[in-house]
N, C-alpha and C. Protein backbone atom coordinates (compact mmCIF):
# COMPACT_ATOMS: atom_id res chain seq x y z
N MET A 1 0.83 -1.18 0.00
CA MET A 1 0.00 0.00 0.00
C MET A 1 0.88 1.25 0.00
N LYS A 2 0.38 2.27 -0.64
CA LYS A 2 1.09 3.54 -0.69
C LYS A 2 0.34 4.56 0.14
N LEU A 3 1.01 5.66 0.42
CA LEU A 3 0.40 6.74 1.19
C LEU A 3 -0.86 7.25 0.52
N THR A 4 -0.84 7.35 -0.79
CA THR A 4 -2.02 7.85 -1.51
C THR A 4 -3.22 6.94 -1.34
N ASP A 5 -2.99 5.64 -1.19
CA ASP A 5 -4.11 4.71 -0.96
C ASP A 5 -4.79 5.01 0.37
N TYR A 6 -4.00 5.24 1.39
CA TYR A 6 -4.57 5.56 2.70
C TYR A 6 -5.29 6.91 2.66
N LEU A 7 -4.67 7.90 2.05
CA LEU A 7 -5.30 9.23 1.99
C LEU A 7 -6.57 9.22 1.16
N ASN A 8 -6.59 8.47 0.06
CA ASN A 8 -7.83 8.36 -0.72
C ASN A 8 -8.92 7.66 0.06
N ALA A 9 -8.56 6.65 0.84
CA ALA A 9 -9.56 5.95 1.65
C ALA A 9 -10.11 6.87 2.75
N ILE A 10 -9.26 7.69 3.30
CA ILE A 10 -9.70 8.62 4.36
C ILE A 10 -10.55 9.74 3.77
N ASN A 11 -10.09 10.33 2.69
CA ASN A 11 -10.72 11.53 2.15
C ASN A 11 -11.88 11.27 1.22
N TYR A 12 -11.79 10.25 0.39
CA TYR A 12 -12.77 10.17 -0.68
C TYR A 12 -13.53 8.84 -0.74
N THR A 13 -12.84 7.73 -0.80
CA THR A 13 -13.54 6.46 -1.03
C THR A 13 -14.15 5.89 0.24
N LYS A 14 -13.58 6.20 1.40
CA LYS A 14 -14.04 5.71 2.70
C LYS A 14 -13.96 4.19 2.81
N ASP A 15 -13.04 3.57 2.04
CA ASP A 15 -12.84 2.13 2.12
C ASP A 15 -12.16 1.76 3.43
N SER A 16 -12.58 0.64 3.97
CA SER A 16 -11.99 0.15 5.21
C SER A 16 -10.79 -0.74 4.86
N LEU A 17 -9.66 -0.14 4.64
CA LEU A 17 -8.47 -0.86 4.19
C LEU A 17 -7.88 -1.78 5.25
N MET A 18 -8.07 -1.45 6.50
CA MET A 18 -7.40 -2.20 7.56
C MET A 18 -8.22 -3.37 8.08
N ASN A 19 -9.41 -3.59 7.56
CA ASN A 19 -10.20 -4.75 7.94
C ASN A 19 -9.84 -5.92 7.04
N THR A 20 -8.62 -6.37 7.19
CA THR A 20 -8.10 -7.46 6.39
C THR A 20 -7.17 -8.29 7.25
N GLU A 21 -6.91 -9.51 6.81
CA GLU A 21 -6.00 -10.39 7.54
C GLU A 21 -4.54 -10.04 7.28
N ASP A 22 -4.29 -9.26 6.26
CA ASP A 22 -2.92 -8.89 5.89
C ASP A 22 -2.38 -7.85 6.88
N GLU A 23 -1.37 -8.25 7.66
CA GLU A 23 -0.81 -7.37 8.68
C GLU A 23 0.03 -6.25 8.09
N SER A 24 0.49 -6.43 6.86
CA SER A 24 1.35 -5.41 6.25
C SER A 24 0.58 -4.12 5.97
N VAL A 25 -0.73 -4.22 5.81
CA VAL A 25 -1.54 -3.02 5.55
C VAL A 25 -1.46 -2.07 6.74
N GLU A 26 -1.56 -2.61 7.94
CA GLU A 26 -1.47 -1.76 9.13
C GLU A 26 -0.02 -1.35 9.41
N LYS A 27 0.93 -2.19 9.09
CA LYS A 27 2.34 -1.87 9.31
C LYS A 27 2.79 -0.70 8.46
N GLU A 28 2.31 -0.64 7.22
CA GLU A 28 2.75 0.38 6.27
C GLU A 28 2.10 1.74 6.52
N TYR A 29 1.07 1.78 7.33
CA TYR A 29 0.39 3.04 7.66
C TYR A 29 1.29 3.85 8.59
N VAL A 30 1.61 5.09 8.19
CA VAL A 30 2.47 5.95 9.00
C VAL A 30 1.63 7.12 9.51
N PRO A 31 1.19 7.09 10.76
CA PRO A 31 0.29 8.11 11.28
C PRO A 31 0.85 9.53 11.20
N PHE A 32 2.14 9.70 11.47
CA PHE A 32 2.73 11.04 11.43
C PHE A 32 2.57 11.68 10.06
N VAL A 33 2.85 10.92 9.02
CA VAL A 33 2.78 11.45 7.66
C VAL A 33 1.33 11.76 7.27
N VAL A 34 0.42 10.88 7.63
CA VAL A 34 -0.99 11.11 7.33
C VAL A 34 -1.49 12.35 8.08
N ASN A 35 -1.12 12.49 9.35
CA ASN A 35 -1.50 13.68 10.12
C ASN A 35 -0.97 14.94 9.46
N ARG A 36 0.26 14.87 9.02
CA ARG A 36 0.85 16.04 8.37
C ARG A 36 0.12 16.39 7.09
N CYS A 37 -0.22 15.40 6.30
CA CYS A 37 -0.94 15.64 5.05
C CYS A 37 -2.31 16.26 5.32
N LEU A 38 -2.96 15.83 6.36
CA LEU A 38 -4.30 16.33 6.67
C LEU A 38 -4.27 17.66 7.42
N SER A 39 -3.13 18.05 7.93
CA SER A 39 -3.06 19.29 8.70
C SER A 39 -3.05 20.54 7.82
N TYR A 40 -2.96 20.39 6.51
CA TYR A 40 -2.92 21.54 5.61
C TYR A 40 -4.31 22.12 5.30
N PHE A 41 -5.35 21.45 5.70
CA PHE A 41 -6.70 21.87 5.32
C PHE A 41 -7.46 22.38 6.54
N PRO A 42 -8.22 23.47 6.37
CA PRO A 42 -8.92 24.05 7.52
C PRO A 42 -9.95 23.12 8.14
N ASP A 43 -10.56 22.25 7.33
CA ASP A 43 -11.60 21.37 7.87
C ASP A 43 -11.03 20.10 8.51
N THR A 44 -9.73 19.85 8.38
CA THR A 44 -9.14 18.64 8.96
C THR A 44 -8.04 18.91 9.97
N VAL A 45 -7.65 20.16 10.12
CA VAL A 45 -6.51 20.47 11.00
C VAL A 45 -6.82 20.14 12.46
N LEU A 46 -8.03 20.35 12.90
CA LEU A 46 -8.37 20.05 14.29
C LEU A 46 -8.41 18.54 14.55
N HIS A 47 -8.89 17.80 13.56
CA HIS A 47 -8.88 16.34 13.69
C HIS A 47 -7.44 15.82 13.75
N SER A 48 -6.60 16.38 12.92
CA SER A 48 -5.19 15.99 12.91
C SER A 48 -4.54 16.29 14.26
N ASN A 49 -4.88 17.42 14.84
CA ASN A 49 -4.34 17.79 16.15
C ASN A 49 -4.81 16.81 17.23
N GLU A 50 -6.06 16.40 17.16
CA GLU A 50 -6.58 15.44 18.16
C GLU A 50 -5.84 14.11 18.06
N ILE A 51 -5.60 13.66 16.85
CA ILE A 51 -4.88 12.40 16.69
C ILE A 51 -3.42 12.54 17.14
N ASN A 52 -2.85 13.71 16.96
CA ASN A 52 -1.49 13.93 17.48
C ASN A 52 -1.46 13.80 18.99
N LYS A 53 -2.51 14.25 19.64
CA LYS A 53 -2.60 14.11 21.10
C LYS A 53 -2.77 12.65 21.51
N LEU A 54 -3.44 11.88 20.64
CA LEU A 54 -3.74 10.48 20.94
C LEU A 54 -2.83 9.54 20.15
N ASN A 55 -1.57 9.89 20.06
CA ASN A 55 -0.66 9.10 19.24
C ASN A 55 -0.38 7.71 19.80
N HIS A 56 -0.79 7.44 21.01
CA HIS A 56 -0.59 6.12 21.60
C HIS A 56 -1.60 5.10 21.09
N LEU A 57 -2.65 5.55 20.41
CA LEU A 57 -3.66 4.64 19.89
C LEU A 57 -3.08 3.77 18.78
N GLU A 58 -3.72 2.63 18.56
CA GLU A 58 -3.31 1.74 17.48
C GLU A 58 -3.51 2.44 16.14
N LYS A 59 -2.73 2.01 15.17
CA LYS A 59 -2.81 2.62 13.84
C LYS A 59 -4.19 2.44 13.22
N LYS A 60 -4.79 1.30 13.42
CA LYS A 60 -6.13 1.05 12.88
C LYS A 60 -7.15 2.02 13.45
N LEU A 61 -7.07 2.30 14.74
CA LEU A 61 -8.00 3.24 15.37
C LEU A 61 -7.80 4.66 14.85
N GLN A 62 -6.55 5.04 14.66
CA GLN A 62 -6.28 6.38 14.11
C GLN A 62 -6.81 6.50 12.69
N PHE A 63 -6.57 5.47 11.88
CA PHE A 63 -7.07 5.47 10.50
C PHE A 63 -8.59 5.54 10.47
N ASP A 64 -9.25 4.72 11.30
CA ASP A 64 -10.71 4.71 11.33
C ASP A 64 -11.29 6.02 11.84
N TYR A 65 -10.61 6.65 12.77
CA TYR A 65 -11.07 7.96 13.24
C TYR A 65 -11.13 8.95 12.08
N PHE A 66 -10.06 9.04 11.34
CA PHE A 66 -10.04 9.94 10.19
C PHE A 66 -11.09 9.53 9.15
N ARG A 67 -11.14 8.27 8.84
CA ARG A 67 -12.02 7.78 7.79
C ARG A 67 -13.49 8.04 8.11
N LEU A 68 -13.84 7.88 9.37
CA LEU A 68 -15.25 8.00 9.75
C LEU A 68 -15.65 9.41 10.18
N SER A 69 -14.72 10.26 10.53
CA SER A 69 -15.09 11.58 11.03
C SER A 69 -14.94 12.70 10.01
N LEU A 70 -14.18 12.48 8.96
CA LEU A 70 -13.98 13.53 7.96
C LEU A 70 -15.00 13.40 6.84
N ARG A 71 -15.47 14.55 6.37
CA ARG A 71 -16.40 14.55 5.25
C ARG A 71 -15.70 14.12 3.97
N LYS A 72 -16.48 13.53 3.10
CA LYS A 72 -15.96 13.07 1.83
C LYS A 72 -15.62 14.27 0.95
N ARG A 73 -14.35 14.37 0.57
CA ARG A 73 -13.89 15.50 -0.23
C ARG A 73 -12.52 15.18 -0.81
N LYS A 74 -12.27 15.64 -2.01
CA LYS A 74 -10.94 15.46 -2.59
C LYS A 74 -10.03 16.53 -2.02
N ARG A 75 -8.96 16.10 -1.38
CA ARG A 75 -8.00 17.02 -0.78
C ARG A 75 -6.62 16.71 -1.33
N PHE A 76 -5.93 17.74 -1.77
CA PHE A 76 -4.57 17.57 -2.26
C PHE A 76 -3.79 18.82 -1.93
N SER A 77 -2.59 18.63 -1.44
CA SER A 77 -1.71 19.77 -1.19
C SER A 77 -0.27 19.32 -1.38
N LYS A 78 0.56 20.23 -1.78
CA LYS A 78 1.98 19.95 -1.91
C LYS A 78 2.64 20.15 -0.55
N TRP A 79 3.72 19.44 -0.33
CA TRP A 79 4.47 19.59 0.91
C TRP A 79 5.20 20.92 0.89
N PHE A 80 5.16 21.59 2.01
CA PHE A 80 5.93 22.82 2.14
C PHE A 80 7.38 22.44 2.41
N LYS A 81 8.26 23.03 1.64
CA LYS A 81 9.68 22.73 1.83
C LYS A 81 10.40 24.01 2.21
N LYS A 82 11.33 23.86 3.10
CA LYS A 82 12.13 24.98 3.52
C LYS A 82 13.11 25.33 2.42
N GLU A 83 13.10 26.58 1.99
CA GLU A 83 14.00 26.99 0.93
C GLU A 83 15.33 27.46 1.51
N ASP A 84 16.40 27.09 0.82
CA ASP A 84 17.72 27.53 1.24
C ASP A 84 17.94 28.97 0.79
N PRO A 85 18.50 29.79 1.66
CA PRO A 85 18.80 31.16 1.23
C PRO A 85 19.87 31.16 0.14
N GLU A 86 19.86 32.21 -0.65
CA GLU A 86 20.81 32.32 -1.78
C GLU A 86 22.25 32.28 -1.28
N GLU A 87 22.51 32.90 -0.13
CA GLU A 87 23.87 32.92 0.39
C GLU A 87 24.37 31.52 0.72
N LEU A 88 23.47 30.68 1.22
CA LEU A 88 23.86 29.31 1.57
C LEU A 88 24.31 28.54 0.33
N ASN A 89 23.58 28.69 -0.76
CA ASN A 89 23.97 28.03 -2.00
C ASN A 89 25.30 28.56 -2.53
N MET A 90 25.53 29.85 -2.38
CA MET A 90 26.81 30.42 -2.82
C MET A 90 27.96 29.85 -2.01
N ILE A 91 27.79 29.76 -0.70
CA ILE A 91 28.84 29.22 0.17
C ILE A 91 29.10 27.75 -0.17
N LYS A 92 28.03 27.00 -0.42
CA LYS A 92 28.18 25.59 -0.78
C LYS A 92 28.99 25.43 -2.06
N SER A 93 28.69 26.24 -3.06
CA SER A 93 29.42 26.10 -4.33
C SER A 93 30.84 26.65 -4.25
N HIS A 94 31.04 27.72 -3.47
CA HIS A 94 32.37 28.33 -3.37
C HIS A 94 33.35 27.45 -2.61
N PHE A 95 32.93 26.94 -1.46
CA PHE A 95 33.82 26.15 -0.62
C PHE A 95 33.65 24.64 -0.80
N LYS A 96 32.65 24.23 -1.61
CA LYS A 96 32.33 22.80 -1.79
C LYS A 96 31.94 22.17 -0.44
N TYR A 97 31.07 22.87 0.29
CA TYR A 97 30.61 22.42 1.60
C TYR A 97 29.28 21.71 1.49
N SER A 98 28.98 20.90 2.51
CA SER A 98 27.66 20.30 2.65
C SER A 98 26.72 21.35 3.25
N ASN A 99 25.44 21.01 3.35
CA ASN A 99 24.46 21.95 3.94
C ASN A 99 24.85 22.32 5.36
N LYS A 100 25.23 21.31 6.13
CA LYS A 100 25.57 21.54 7.53
C LYS A 100 26.77 22.49 7.66
N ARG A 101 27.82 22.21 6.92
CA ARG A 101 29.02 23.05 6.98
C ARG A 101 28.74 24.46 6.45
N ALA A 102 27.94 24.56 5.40
CA ALA A 102 27.62 25.87 4.83
C ALA A 102 26.83 26.72 5.83
N LYS A 103 25.93 26.09 6.59
CA LYS A 103 25.16 26.83 7.61
C LYS A 103 26.09 27.34 8.71
N GLU A 104 27.06 26.50 9.09
CA GLU A 104 28.04 26.92 10.09
C GLU A 104 28.87 28.09 9.57
N ALA A 105 29.30 27.99 8.32
CA ALA A 105 30.12 29.05 7.73
C ALA A 105 29.32 30.34 7.59
N LEU A 106 28.04 30.22 7.26
CA LEU A 106 27.19 31.40 7.10
C LEU A 106 27.05 32.16 8.42
N SER A 107 27.02 31.43 9.53
CA SER A 107 26.90 32.10 10.82
C SER A 107 28.21 32.81 11.21
N ILE A 108 29.32 32.39 10.64
CA ILE A 108 30.63 32.97 10.98
C ILE A 108 31.02 34.12 10.06
N LEU A 109 30.68 34.01 8.79
CA LEU A 109 31.12 34.99 7.79
C LEU A 109 30.45 36.35 7.99
N SER A 110 31.20 37.39 7.71
CA SER A 110 30.66 38.75 7.78
C SER A 110 29.93 39.07 6.47
N SER A 111 29.21 40.18 6.47
CA SER A 111 28.49 40.58 5.25
C SER A 111 29.46 40.93 4.13
N GLU A 112 30.64 41.46 4.49
CA GLU A 112 31.66 41.77 3.48
C GLU A 112 32.20 40.49 2.84
N ASP A 113 32.40 39.45 3.66
CA ASP A 113 32.85 38.16 3.14
C ASP A 113 31.82 37.58 2.17
N ILE A 114 30.57 37.69 2.53
CA ILE A 114 29.49 37.16 1.68
C ILE A 114 29.43 37.92 0.36
N LYS A 115 29.64 39.25 0.40
CA LYS A 115 29.67 40.03 -0.84
C LYS A 115 30.81 39.58 -1.74
N ASN A 116 31.98 39.33 -1.15
CA ASN A 116 33.13 38.85 -1.93
C ASN A 116 32.86 37.49 -2.56
N ILE A 117 32.25 36.60 -1.79
CA ILE A 117 31.91 35.28 -2.31
C ILE A 117 30.89 35.41 -3.45
N LYS A 118 29.92 36.30 -3.26
CA LYS A 118 28.91 36.51 -4.29
C LYS A 118 29.57 37.01 -5.58
N ARG A 119 30.52 37.91 -5.43
CA ARG A 119 31.24 38.45 -6.58
C ARG A 119 32.03 37.34 -7.28
N ASN A 120 32.65 36.46 -6.50
CA ASN A 120 33.47 35.39 -7.07
C ASN A 120 32.65 34.26 -7.69
N THR A 121 31.43 34.03 -7.19
CA THR A 121 30.60 32.93 -7.71
C THR A 121 29.61 33.39 -8.75
N TYR A 122 29.60 34.67 -9.10
CA TYR A 122 28.66 35.19 -10.09
C TYR A 122 28.95 34.55 -11.44
N GLU A 123 27.92 33.95 -12.04
CA GLU A 123 28.10 33.24 -13.31
C GLU A 123 27.58 34.03 -14.49
N GLY A 124 27.02 35.18 -14.26
CA GLY A 124 26.53 36.02 -15.36
C GLY A 124 25.10 35.66 -15.73
N GLY A 125 24.55 36.41 -16.66
CA GLY A 125 23.18 36.17 -17.10
C GLY A 125 22.19 37.04 -16.36
N VAL A 126 20.94 36.91 -16.77
CA VAL A 126 19.87 37.69 -16.17
C VAL A 126 19.13 36.83 -15.17
N LYS A 127 18.85 37.38 -14.00
CA LYS A 127 18.13 36.63 -12.96
C LYS A 127 16.65 36.77 -13.16
């Protein structure tokens, strides 16, 4: 089973996926990820918060809570991703650092150092 199968069963089809003898169906269900996916919508955010409080419940109970308490609706959202600042990418390419090292260097470097790096890593073209 994939994440989309669980989310479709919760949001739209209302299929009872976990009423089966196959134990892998319940094993593959990841409550944290499902809660996060449902927390993006105004009509499901409170339900997601309640399940976060009750994270000790069995996976089947958490799935059934969502499946039976949410209205039938197609819900889709993209994951919010943290964007790296432009300076971080410049430091990574200039020094050949990893994300972790570049963040450390960014906290140490002065604004004049960053301007010099920007000047040295400028590749031309229109932004």
